[in-house]
Amino acid sequence: MRVKFLLFSIERAKGFNRRILVFGDFLQKVFVGTKYDLKKAELEITAEEYLTSAFISALFYGIIFFALGTGLLYLRDGIIESAFPLNIIIGLVFFVLFFFLHLIYPGIIAKKIAFEVDQNLIFALKSMLIQVKSGVPLFSSIKNVAKSDYGVVSAEFQTVVQEINSGTPEAKAIEKMALRTKSEYLRKAAWQIVSSIKSGASSVGALETTISTLTTNQLRAIKNYAAELNLWILMYLLLAAAIPTLGITFMIILSAMGGSNITETHVMLTIAFAFVIQVVLIGFVKNRKPKVVA
């Protein structure tokens, strides 16, 4: 299995020498949440191994961009000594950028898994509610959802059906689903159903309450996203448009007044940096978009 942008596959990262893993051993003490993100993302690798591969991968990216900048300057001017400090800074910037990307990517994968569940969850619960209201037993409604095409939700309920058929009590099987699922909404729905089973109450009320809660939470998520979107638009305009434009303007002024040697290469590097910032911000905002269904 390969994580996007990571230069090493999970299998190869797990085969690193113990001497190399010293980087990951130190980093996991700093980034303690990584092991939880890896578990939620269902990546079968330790935090020590993943952080080591992330560090080495980001280092390679930094070296690549450092070499690329050095090569471009050499092809243009034939001299690289004067721009050597600038290229080091560029390499460090891309090293930090890609290391941060590797660091947050397991969390993104975990959210995608949860989104796949949430995308069909309301439809599945509404189907169960209609069936239970019409007199169908709860287990039969769970079995029908498992046989339906609700994606990851159907797969989760299929596991519940298999456990019940193998002798596990109904409440216990649903409780296990609540503990293993990556979706907060499915977890809440499962605990509601378990509570109704243990108390002897009708599952109709639990399903209705859960569906109402999910709908309310989705509406709240949309409002929160709309509110914070204004901030990200401002950040985008500043980092991707205003600051690069003002930076180029100031570089031209300094070049004219202070005698600084500002070349076309510096301008092109500023534009390239602005482009990378745009891509990162657009991807970040896109990943924060709430996955809701009508």
C-alpha atoms as a PDB file:
ATOM      1  CA  MET A   1       0.000   0.000   0.000  1.00  0.00           C
ATOM      2  CA  ARG A   2       1.235   3.491  -0.841  1.00  0.00           C
ATOM      3  CA  VAL A   3       0.343   6.791   0.844  1.00  0.00           C
ATOM      4  CA  LYS A   4      -0.016   9.682  -1.582  1.00  0.00           C
ATOM      5  CA  PHE A   5       3.161  11.820  -1.951  1.00  0.00           C
ATOM      6  CA  LEU A   6       5.129   9.459   0.311  1.00  0.00           C
ATOM      7  CA  LEU A   7       8.123   8.120  -1.624  1.00  0.00           C
ATOM      8  CA  PHE A   8       8.064   4.790   0.214  1.00  0.00           C
ATOM      9  CA  SER A   9       5.346   2.163   0.273  1.00  0.00           C
ATOM     10  CA  ILE A  10       4.074   0.972   3.655  1.00  0.00           C
ATOM     11  CA  GLU A  11       5.702  -2.425   3.088  1.00  0.00           C
ATOM     12  CA  ARG A  12       9.099  -0.869   2.351  1.00  0.00           C
ATOM     13  CA  ALA A  13       8.862   1.520   5.301  1.00  0.00           C
ATOM     14  CA  LYS A  14       8.255  -1.439   7.612  1.00  0.00           C
ATOM     15  CA  GLY A  15      11.563  -2.935   6.451  1.00  0.00           C
ATOM     16  CA  PHE A  16      13.782  -0.039   7.514  1.00  0.00           C
ATOM     17  CA  ASN A  17      16.913  -0.835   9.498  1.00  0.00           C
ATOM     18  CA  ARG A  18      16.656  -0.237  13.255  1.00  0.00           C
ATOM     19  CA  ARG A  19      19.464   2.325  13.056  1.00  0.00           C
ATOM     20  CA  ILE A  20      17.422   4.447  10.659  1.00  0.00           C
ATOM     21  CA  LEU A  21      14.325   4.224  12.865  1.00  0.00           C
ATOM     22  CA  VAL A  22      16.070   6.438  15.445  1.00  0.00           C
ATOM     23  CA  PHE A  23      14.552   9.441  13.610  1.00  0.00           C
ATOM     24  CA  GLY A  24      11.063   8.033  14.007  1.00  0.00           C
ATOM     25  CA  ASP A  25      11.680   7.109  17.631  1.00  0.00           C
ATOM     26  CA  PHE A  26      12.466  10.754  18.394  1.00  0.00           C
ATOM     27  CA  LEU A  27       9.675  12.181  16.211  1.00  0.00           C
ATOM     28  CA  GLN A  28       6.943  10.003  17.702  1.00  0.00           C
ATOM     29  CA  LYS A  29       7.662  11.589  21.081  1.00  0.00           C
ATOM     30  CA  VAL A  30       6.967  14.993  19.525  1.00  0.00           C
ATOM     31  CA  PHE A  31       4.024  14.042  17.291  1.00  0.00           C
ATOM     32  CA  VAL A  32       2.204  11.745  19.699  1.00  0.00           C
ATOM     33  CA  GLY A  33      -1.078  11.848  17.770  1.00  0.00           C
ATOM     34  CA  THR A  34       0.394  10.115  14.721  1.00  0.00           C
ATOM     35  CA  LYS A  35      -0.087   6.594  16.093  1.00  0.00           C
ATOM     36  CA  TYR A  36      -3.799   7.274  16.604  1.00  0.00           C
ATOM     37  CA  ASP A  37      -4.181   8.700  13.100  1.00  0.00           C
ATOM     38  CA  LEU A  38      -2.460   5.627  11.637  1.00  0.00           C
ATOM     39  CA  LYS A  39      -4.808   3.333  13.542  1.00  0.00           C
ATOM     40  CA  LYS A  40      -7.888   5.257  12.384  1.00  0.00           C
ATOM     41  CA  ALA A  41      -6.585   5.207   8.814  1.00  0.00           C
ATOM     42  CA  GLU A  42      -6.166   1.407   9.023  1.00  0.00           C
ATOM     43  CA  LEU A  43      -2.490   1.661   8.033  1.00  0.00           C
ATOM     44  CA  GLU A  44      -0.617  -1.351   9.345  1.00  0.00           C
ATOM     45  CA  ILE A  45       2.570   0.453  10.317  1.00  0.00           C
ATOM     46  CA  THR A  46       3.972   1.789  13.579  1.00  0.00           C
ATOM     47  CA  ALA A  47       4.317   5.514  14.221  1.00  0.00           C
ATOM     48  CA  GLU A  48       8.083   5.059  14.488  1.00  0.00           C
ATOM     49  CA  GLU A  49       8.295   3.492  11.004  1.00  0.00           C
ATOM     50  CA  TYR A  50       5.890   5.952   9.402  1.00  0.00           C
ATOM     51  CA  LEU A  51       7.575   9.054  10.823  1.00  0.00           C
ATOM     52  CA  THR A  52      10.980   7.753   9.716  1.00  0.00           C
ATOM     53  CA  SER A  53       9.723   7.244   6.162  1.00  0.00           C
ATOM     54  CA  ALA A  54       8.019  10.672   6.278  1.00  0.00           C
ATOM     55  CA  PHE A  55      11.249  12.354   7.399  1.00  0.00           C
ATOM     56  CA  ILE A  56      13.369  10.648   4.710  1.00  0.00           C
ATOM     57  CA  SER A  57      10.741  11.287   2.018  1.00  0.00           C
ATOM     58  CA  ALA A  58      10.500  14.990   2.911  1.00  0.00           C
ATOM     59  CA  LEU A  59      14.315  15.186   2.956  1.00  0.00           C
ATOM     60  CA  PHE A  60      14.437  13.761  -0.566  1.00  0.00           C
ATOM     61  CA  TYR A  61      11.855  16.304  -1.731  1.00  0.00           C
ATOM     62  CA  GLY A  62      13.937  19.102  -0.205  1.00  0.00           C
ATOM     63  CA  ILE A  63      17.094  17.828  -1.946  1.00  0.00           C
ATOM     64  CA  ILE A  64      15.232  17.517  -5.261  1.00  0.00           C
ATOM     65  CA  PHE A  65      13.979  21.101  -5.166  1.00  0.00           C
ATOM     66  CA  PHE A  66      17.382  22.329  -3.983  1.00  0.00           C
ATOM     67  CA  ALA A  67      19.051  20.561  -6.913  1.00  0.00           C
ATOM     68  CA  LEU A  68      16.387  21.810  -9.311  1.00  0.00           C
ATOM     69  CA  GLY A  69      16.866  25.423  -8.249  1.00  0.00           C
ATOM     70  CA  THR A  70      20.645  25.086  -8.408  1.00  0.00           C
ATOM     71  CA  GLY A  71      20.471  23.522 -11.885  1.00  0.00           C
ATOM     72  CA  LEU A  72      18.186  26.230 -13.241  1.00  0.00           C
ATOM     73  CA  LEU A  73      20.467  28.976 -11.940  1.00  0.00           C
ATOM     74  CA  TYR A  74      23.518  27.231 -13.373  1.00  0.00           C
ATOM     75  CA  LEU A  75      21.887  26.883 -16.804  1.00  0.00           C
ATOM     76  CA  ARG A  76      20.931  30.542 -16.730  1.00  0.00           C
ATOM     77  CA  ASP A  77      24.007  32.245 -15.279  1.00  0.00           C
ATOM     78  CA  GLY A  78      26.669  29.557 -15.129  1.00  0.00           C
ATOM     79  CA  ILE A  79      27.378  30.600 -11.521  1.00  0.00           C
ATOM     80  CA  ILE A  80      25.704  29.044  -8.502  1.00  0.00           C
ATOM     81  CA  GLU A  81      27.795  30.236  -5.546  1.00  0.00           C
ATOM     82  CA  SER A  82      25.889  33.494  -5.004  1.00  0.00           C
ATOM     83  CA  ALA A  83      22.493  31.792  -5.001  1.00  0.00           C
ATOM     84  CA  PHE A  84      23.581  28.859  -2.849  1.00  0.00           C
ATOM     85  CA  PRO A  85      22.052  30.216   0.428  1.00  0.00           C
ATOM     86  CA  LEU A  86      18.754  30.938  -1.360  1.00  0.00           C
ATOM     87  CA  ASN A  87      18.600  27.402  -2.734  1.00  0.00           C
ATOM     88  CA  ILE A  88      19.211  25.986   0.742  1.00  0.00           C
ATOM     89  CA  ILE A  89      16.249  28.011   2.043  1.00  0.00           C
ATOM     90  CA  ILE A  90      14.091  26.748  -0.825  1.00  0.00           C
ATOM     91  CA  GLY A  91      15.086  23.169  -0.039  1.00  0.00           C
ATOM     92  CA  LEU A  92      14.281  23.636   3.663  1.00  0.00           C
ATOM     93  CA  VAL A  93      10.889  25.181   2.845  1.00  0.00           C
ATOM     94  CA  PHE A  94       9.889  22.221   0.679  1.00  0.00           C
ATOM     95  CA  PHE A  95      11.270  19.796   3.277  1.00  0.00           C
ATOM     96  CA  VAL A  96       9.037  21.317   5.963  1.00  0.00           C
ATOM     97  CA  LEU A  97       6.078  21.522   3.564  1.00  0.00           C
ATOM     98  CA  PHE A  98       6.215  17.861   2.537  1.00  0.00           C
ATOM     99  CA  PHE A  99       6.958  16.634   6.061  1.00  0.00           C
ATOM    100  CA  PHE A 100       3.864  18.475   7.289  1.00  0.00           C
ATOM    101  CA  LEU A 101       1.875  16.944   4.410  1.00  0.00           C
ATOM    102  CA  HIS A 102       3.071  13.437   5.315  1.00  0.00           C
ATOM    103  CA  LEU A 103       2.235  14.145   8.948  1.00  0.00           C
ATOM    104  CA  ILE A 104      -1.405  15.088   8.345  1.00  0.00           C
ATOM    105  CA  TYR A 105      -2.147  12.602   5.558  1.00  0.00           C
ATOM    106  CA  PRO A 106      -3.091   9.633   7.799  1.00  0.00           C
ATOM    107  CA  GLY A 107      -5.692  11.885   9.401  1.00  0.00           C
ATOM    108  CA  ILE A 108      -7.017  12.758   5.939  1.00  0.00           C
ATOM    109  CA  ILE A 109      -7.288   9.052   5.070  1.00  0.00           C
ATOM    110  CA  ALA A 110      -9.139   8.375   8.340  1.00  0.00           C
ATOM    111  CA  LYS A 111     -11.580  11.189   7.597  1.00  0.00           C
ATOM    112  CA  LYS A 112     -12.187   9.815   4.103  1.00  0.00           C
ATOM    113  CA  ILE A 113     -13.051   6.424   5.593  1.00  0.00           C
ATOM    114  CA  ALA A 114     -15.467   8.088   8.006  1.00  0.00           C
ATOM    115  CA  PHE A 115     -16.936  10.202   5.173  1.00  0.00           C
ATOM    116  CA  GLU A 116     -17.648   7.053   3.149  1.00  0.00           C
ATOM    117  CA  VAL A 117     -19.705   5.805   6.077  1.00  0.00           C
ATOM    118  CA  ASP A 118     -21.470   9.118   6.745  1.00  0.00           C
ATOM    119  CA  GLN A 119     -22.381   9.544   3.080  1.00  0.00           C
ATOM    120  CA  ASN A 120     -24.849   6.625   3.167  1.00  0.00           C
ATOM    121  CA  LEU A 121     -25.609   6.402   6.876  1.00  0.00           C
ATOM    122  CA  ILE A 122     -28.798   8.499   6.928  1.00  0.00           C
ATOM    123  CA  PHE A 123     -30.260   6.528   4.021  1.00  0.00           C
ATOM    124  CA  ALA A 124     -29.441   3.241   5.773  1.00  0.00           C
ATOM    125  CA  LEU A 125     -30.951   4.378   9.077  1.00  0.00           C
ATOM    126  CA  LYS A 126     -34.085   5.698   7.359  1.00  0.00           C
ATOM    127  CA  SER A 127     -34.468   2.324   5.651  1.00  0.00           C
ATOM    128  CA  MET A 128     -34.146   0.589   9.030  1.00  0.00           C
ATOM    129  CA  LEU A 129     -36.666   2.999  10.576  1.00  0.00           C
ATOM    130  CA  ILE A 130     -39.279   2.310   7.894  1.00  0.00           C
ATOM    131  CA  GLN A 131     -38.810  -1.439   8.263  1.00  0.00           C
ATOM    132  CA  VAL A 132     -38.994  -1.409  12.082  1.00  0.00           C
ATOM    133  CA  LYS A 133     -42.087   0.814  11.986  1.00  0.00           C
ATOM    134  CA  SER A 134     -43.768  -1.670   9.655  1.00  0.00           C
ATOM    135  CA  GLY A 135     -43.186  -4.507  12.116  1.00  0.00           C
ATOM    136  CA  VAL A 136     -39.915  -5.970  10.831  1.00  0.00           C
ATOM    137  CA  PRO A 137     -37.628  -7.183  13.676  1.00  0.00           C
ATOM    138  CA  LEU A 138     -34.490  -5.146  14.288  1.00  0.00           C
ATOM    139  CA  PHE A 139     -32.188  -8.018  13.302  1.00  0.00           C
ATOM    140  CA  SER A 140     -34.043  -8.485  10.002  1.00  0.00           C
ATOM    141  CA  SER A 141     -33.733  -4.755   9.239  1.00  0.00           C
ATOM    142  CA  ILE A 142     -29.986  -4.927   9.979  1.00  0.00           C
ATOM    143  CA  LYS A 143     -29.701  -7.929   7.663  1.00  0.00           C
ATOM    144  CA  ASN A 144     -31.566  -6.062   4.895  1.00  0.00           C
ATOM    145  CA  VAL A 145     -29.244  -3.064   5.225  1.00  0.00           C
ATOM    146  CA  ALA A 146     -26.245  -5.420   5.077  1.00  0.00           C
ATOM    147  CA  LYS A 147     -27.571  -6.865   1.803  1.00  0.00           C
ATOM    148  CA  SER A 148     -28.281  -3.401   0.323  1.00  0.00           C
ATOM    149  CA  ASP A 149     -25.892  -1.129  -1.530  1.00  0.00           C
ATOM    150  CA  TYR A 150     -24.904   1.352   1.187  1.00  0.00           C
ATOM    151  CA  GLY A 151     -21.155   1.047   0.720  1.00  0.00           C
ATOM    152  CA  VAL A 152     -19.099   0.864   3.908  1.00  0.00           C
ATOM    153  CA  VAL A 153     -22.275   1.004   6.030  1.00  0.00           C
ATOM    154  CA  SER A 154     -23.506  -2.246   4.485  1.00  0.00           C
ATOM    155  CA  ALA A 155     -20.086  -3.811   5.113  1.00  0.00           C
ATOM    156  CA  GLU A 156     -20.216  -2.794   8.793  1.00  0.00           C
ATOM    157  CA  PHE A 157     -23.724  -4.222   9.217  1.00  0.00           C
ATOM    158  CA  GLN A 158     -22.677  -7.389   7.377  1.00  0.00           C
ATOM    159  CA  THR A 159     -20.031  -7.924  10.057  1.00  0.00           C
ATOM    160  CA  VAL A 160     -22.718  -7.438  12.723  1.00  0.00           C
ATOM    161  CA  VAL A 161     -24.946 -10.040  11.030  1.00  0.00           C
ATOM    162  CA  GLN A 162     -22.089 -12.549  10.847  1.00  0.00           C
ATOM    163  CA  GLU A 163     -21.280 -12.081  14.547  1.00  0.00           C
ATOM    164  CA  ILE A 164     -24.936 -12.494  15.558  1.00  0.00           C
ATOM    165  CA  ASN A 165     -25.261 -15.637  13.419  1.00  0.00           C
ATOM    166  CA  SER A 166     -22.161 -17.039  15.106  1.00  0.00           C
ATOM    167  CA  GLY A 167     -23.750 -16.688  18.550  1.00  0.00           C
ATOM    168  CA  THR A 168     -22.844 -13.165  19.677  1.00  0.00           C
ATOM    169  CA  PRO A 169     -25.741 -11.354  21.395  1.00  0.00           C
ATOM    170  CA  GLU A 170     -27.354  -8.654  19.261  1.00  0.00           C
ATOM    171  CA  ALA A 171     -26.460  -5.784  21.608  1.00  0.00           C
ATOM    172  CA  LYS A 172     -22.860  -7.016  21.937  1.00  0.00           C
ATOM    173  CA  ALA A 173     -22.383  -7.248  18.150  1.00  0.00           C
ATOM    174  CA  ILE A 174     -23.681  -3.702  17.626  1.00  0.00           C
ATOM    175  CA  GLU A 175     -21.521  -2.510  20.520  1.00  0.00           C
ATOM    176  CA  LYS A 176     -18.450  -3.974  18.788  1.00  0.00           C
ATOM    177  CA  MET A 177     -19.375  -2.049  15.643  1.00  0.00           C
ATOM    178  CA  ALA A 178     -19.543   1.159  17.698  1.00  0.00           C
ATOM    179  CA  LEU A 179     -16.044   0.518  19.030  1.00  0.00           C
ATOM    180  CA  ARG A 180     -14.404  -0.279  15.682  1.00  0.00           C
ATOM    181  CA  THR A 181     -16.081   2.217  13.343  1.00  0.00           C
ATOM    182  CA  LYS A 182     -14.240   5.365  12.231  1.00  0.00           C
ATOM    183  CA  SER A 183     -17.488   7.324  11.832  1.00  0.00           C
ATOM    184  CA  GLU A 184     -18.576   9.397  14.802  1.00  0.00           C
ATOM    185  CA  TYR A 185     -22.172   9.399  13.521  1.00  0.00           C
ATOM    186  CA  LEU A 186     -22.361   5.614  13.103  1.00  0.00           C
ATOM    187  CA  ARG A 187     -20.849   5.247  16.575  1.00  0.00           C
ATOM    188  CA  LYS A 188     -23.582   7.435  18.058  1.00  0.00           C
ATOM    189  CA  ALA A 189     -26.276   5.545  16.149  1.00  0.00           C
ATOM    190  CA  ALA A 190     -24.924   2.204  17.342  1.00  0.00           C
ATOM    191  CA  TRP A 191     -24.840   3.301  20.996  1.00  0.00           C
ATOM    192  CA  GLN A 192     -28.410   4.592  20.727  1.00  0.00           C
ATOM    193  CA  ILE A 193     -29.576   1.222  19.377  1.00  0.00           C
ATOM    194  CA  VAL A 194     -27.617  -0.670  22.053  1.00  0.00           C
ATOM    195  CA  SER A 195     -29.196   1.468  24.787  1.00  0.00           C
ATOM    196  CA  SER A 196     -32.700   0.806  23.443  1.00  0.00           C
ATOM    197  CA  ILE A 197     -32.043  -2.961  23.279  1.00  0.00           C
ATOM    198  CA  LYS A 198     -30.665  -3.130  26.838  1.00  0.00           C
ATOM    199  CA  SER A 199     -33.509  -1.005  28.251  1.00  0.00           C
ATOM    200  CA  GLY A 200     -36.162  -2.983  26.389  1.00  0.00           C
ATOM    201  CA  ALA A 201     -37.475   0.130  24.634  1.00  0.00           C
ATOM    202  CA  SER A 202     -38.558   0.272  21.004  1.00  0.00           C
ATOM    203  CA  SER A 203     -35.815   0.804  18.443  1.00  0.00           C
ATOM    204  CA  VAL A 204     -38.063   3.246  16.583  1.00  0.00           C
ATOM    205  CA  GLY A 205     -37.413   6.056  19.055  1.00  0.00           C
ATOM    206  CA  ALA A 206     -33.660   5.425  18.989  1.00  0.00           C
ATOM    207  CA  LEU A 207     -33.544   5.466  15.182  1.00  0.00           C
ATOM    208  CA  GLU A 208     -35.685   8.613  14.961  1.00  0.00           C
ATOM    209  CA  THR A 209     -33.496  10.397  17.527  1.00  0.00           C
ATOM    210  CA  THR A 210     -30.319   9.320  15.731  1.00  0.00           C
ATOM    211  CA  ILE A 211     -31.566  10.443  12.302  1.00  0.00           C
ATOM    212  CA  SER A 212     -32.654  13.798  13.759  1.00  0.00           C
ATOM    213  CA  THR A 213     -29.253  14.217  15.441  1.00  0.00           C
ATOM    214  CA  LEU A 214     -27.376  13.363  12.251  1.00  0.00           C
ATOM    215  CA  THR A 215     -29.431  15.830  10.219  1.00  0.00           C
ATOM    216  CA  THR A 216     -28.892  18.579  12.800  1.00  0.00           C
ATOM    217  CA  ASN A 217     -25.140  17.880  12.930  1.00  0.00           C
ATOM    218  CA  GLN A 218     -24.859  18.003   9.145  1.00  0.00           C
ATOM    219  CA  LEU A 219     -26.656  21.364   9.021  1.00  0.00           C
ATOM    220  CA  ARG A 220     -24.346  22.653  11.763  1.00  0.00           C
ATOM    221  CA  ALA A 221     -21.308  21.390   9.835  1.00  0.00           C
ATOM    222  CA  ILE A 222     -22.453  23.276   6.734  1.00  0.00           C
ATOM    223  CA  LYS A 223     -22.911  26.510   8.734  1.00  0.00           C
ATOM    224  CA  ASN A 224     -19.505  26.128  10.416  1.00  0.00           C
ATOM    225  CA  TYR A 225     -17.811  25.461   7.079  1.00  0.00           C
ATOM    226  CA  ALA A 226     -19.478  28.512   5.528  1.00  0.00           C
ATOM    227  CA  ALA A 227     -18.316  30.642   8.474  1.00  0.00           C
ATOM    228  CA  GLU A 228     -14.677  29.514   8.343  1.00  0.00           C
ATOM    229  CA  LEU A 229     -14.599  29.626   4.550  1.00  0.00           C
ATOM    230  CA  ASN A 230     -14.354  33.426   4.729  1.00  0.00           C
ATOM    231  CA  LEU A 231     -11.126  33.095   6.722  1.00  0.00           C
ATOM    232  CA  TRP A 232      -9.619  30.638   4.216  1.00  0.00           C
ATOM    233  CA  ILE A 233     -10.578  32.911   1.317  1.00  0.00           C
ATOM    234  CA  LEU A 234      -8.750  35.768   3.047  1.00  0.00           C
ATOM    235  CA  MET A 235      -5.721  33.543   3.661  1.00  0.00           C
ATOM    236  CA  TYR A 236      -5.766  32.454   0.024  1.00  0.00           C
ATOM    237  CA  LEU A 237      -5.861  36.055  -1.227  1.00  0.00           C
ATOM    238  CA  LEU A 238      -3.033  37.050   1.116  1.00  0.00           C
ATOM    239  CA  LEU A 239      -0.674  34.101   0.594  1.00  0.00           C
ATOM    240  CA  ALA A 240      -1.416  33.333  -3.050  1.00  0.00           C
ATOM    241  CA  ALA A 241      -2.016  36.803  -4.473  1.00  0.00           C
ATOM    242  CA  ALA A 242      -1.277  39.836  -2.283  1.00  0.00           C
ATOM    243  CA  ILE A 243       1.985  38.780  -0.604  1.00  0.00           C
ATOM    244  CA  PRO A 244       3.673  37.397  -3.801  1.00  0.00           C
ATOM    245  CA  THR A 245       2.616  40.497  -5.742  1.00  0.00           C
ATOM    246  CA  LEU A 246       3.876  42.869  -3.050  1.00  0.00           C
ATOM    247  CA  GLY A 247       7.026  40.761  -2.665  1.00  0.00           C
ATOM    248  CA  ILE A 248       7.857  41.037  -6.351  1.00  0.00           C
ATOM    249  CA  THR A 249       7.152  44.783  -6.235  1.00  0.00           C
ATOM    250  CA  PHE A 250       9.457  45.267  -3.240  1.00  0.00           C
ATOM    251  CA  MET A 251      12.169  43.170  -4.894  1.00  0.00           C
ATOM    252  CA  ILE A 252      12.019  45.398  -7.988  1.00  0.00           C
ATOM    253  CA  ILE A 253      12.175  48.550  -5.827  1.00  0.00           C
ATOM    254  CA  LEU A 254      15.121  47.178  -3.848  1.00  0.00           C
ATOM    255  CA  SER A 255      16.825  46.199  -7.059  1.00  0.00           C
ATOM    256  CA  ALA A 256      16.446  49.747  -8.414  1.00  0.00           C
ATOM    257  CA  MET A 257      17.236  51.694  -5.237  1.00  0.00           C
ATOM    258  CA  GLY A 258      19.499  49.439  -3.195  1.00  0.00           C
ATOM    259  CA  GLY A 259      21.507  47.855  -5.933  1.00  0.00           C
ATOM    260  CA  SER A 260      20.316  44.354  -5.064  1.00  0.00           C
ATOM    261  CA  ASN A 261      20.737  41.808  -7.796  1.00  0.00           C
ATOM    262  CA  ILE A 262      17.102  40.723  -8.311  1.00  0.00           C
ATOM    263  CA  THR A 263      16.874  38.579 -11.418  1.00  0.00           C
ATOM    264  CA  GLU A 264      14.059  36.916 -13.325  1.00  0.00           C
ATOM    265  CA  THR A 265      14.906  33.711 -11.473  1.00  0.00           C
ATOM    266  CA  HIS A 266      13.911  35.250  -8.135  1.00  0.00           C
ATOM    267  CA  VAL A 267      10.611  36.372  -9.635  1.00  0.00           C
ATOM    268  CA  MET A 268       9.960  32.927 -11.094  1.00  0.00           C
ATOM    269  CA  LEU A 269      10.744  31.272  -7.757  1.00  0.00           C
ATOM    270  CA  THR A 270       8.288  33.612  -6.019  1.00  0.00           C
ATOM    271  CA  ILE A 271       5.600  32.692  -8.556  1.00  0.00           C
ATOM    272  CA  ALA A 272       6.364  28.986  -8.113  1.00  0.00           C
ATOM    273  CA  PHE A 273       6.120  29.330  -4.336  1.00  0.00           C
ATOM    274  CA  ALA A 274       2.777  31.140  -4.687  1.00  0.00           C
ATOM    275  CA  PHE A 275       1.533  28.338  -6.960  1.00  0.00           C
ATOM    276  CA  VAL A 276       2.478  25.676  -4.389  1.00  0.00           C
ATOM    277  CA  ILE A 277       0.715  27.650  -1.651  1.00  0.00           C
ATOM    278  CA  GLN A 278      -2.414  27.849  -3.834  1.00  0.00           C
ATOM    279  CA  VAL A 279      -2.439  24.093  -4.411  1.00  0.00           C
ATOM    280  CA  VAL A 280      -1.958  23.360  -0.697  1.00  0.00           C
ATOM    281  CA  LEU A 281      -4.699  25.787   0.384  1.00  0.00           C
ATOM    282  CA  ILE A 282      -7.171  24.560  -2.228  1.00  0.00           C
ATOM    283  CA  GLY A 283      -6.540  20.939  -1.212  1.00  0.00           C
ATOM    284  CA  PHE A 284      -6.857  21.826   2.480  1.00  0.00           C
ATOM    285  CA  VAL A 285     -10.163  23.660   1.994  1.00  0.00           C
ATOM    286  CA  LYS A 286     -11.485  20.853  -0.204  1.00  0.00           C
ATOM    287  CA  ASN A 287     -10.686  18.245   2.450  1.00  0.00           C
ATOM    288  CA  ARG A 288     -12.452  20.302   5.120  1.00  0.00           C
ATOM    289  CA  LYS A 289     -15.656  20.436   3.090  1.00  0.00           C
ATOM    290  CA  PRO A 290     -18.347  18.558   5.023  1.00  0.00           C
ATOM    291  CA  LYS A 291     -19.638  15.447   3.277  1.00  0.00           C
ATOM    292  CA  VAL A 292     -23.397  15.676   3.624  1.00  0.00           C
ATOM    293  CA  VAL A 293     -26.320  14.119   1.820  1.00  0.00           C
ATOM    294  CA  ALA A 294     -29.771  15.422   1.110  1.00  0.00           C
END
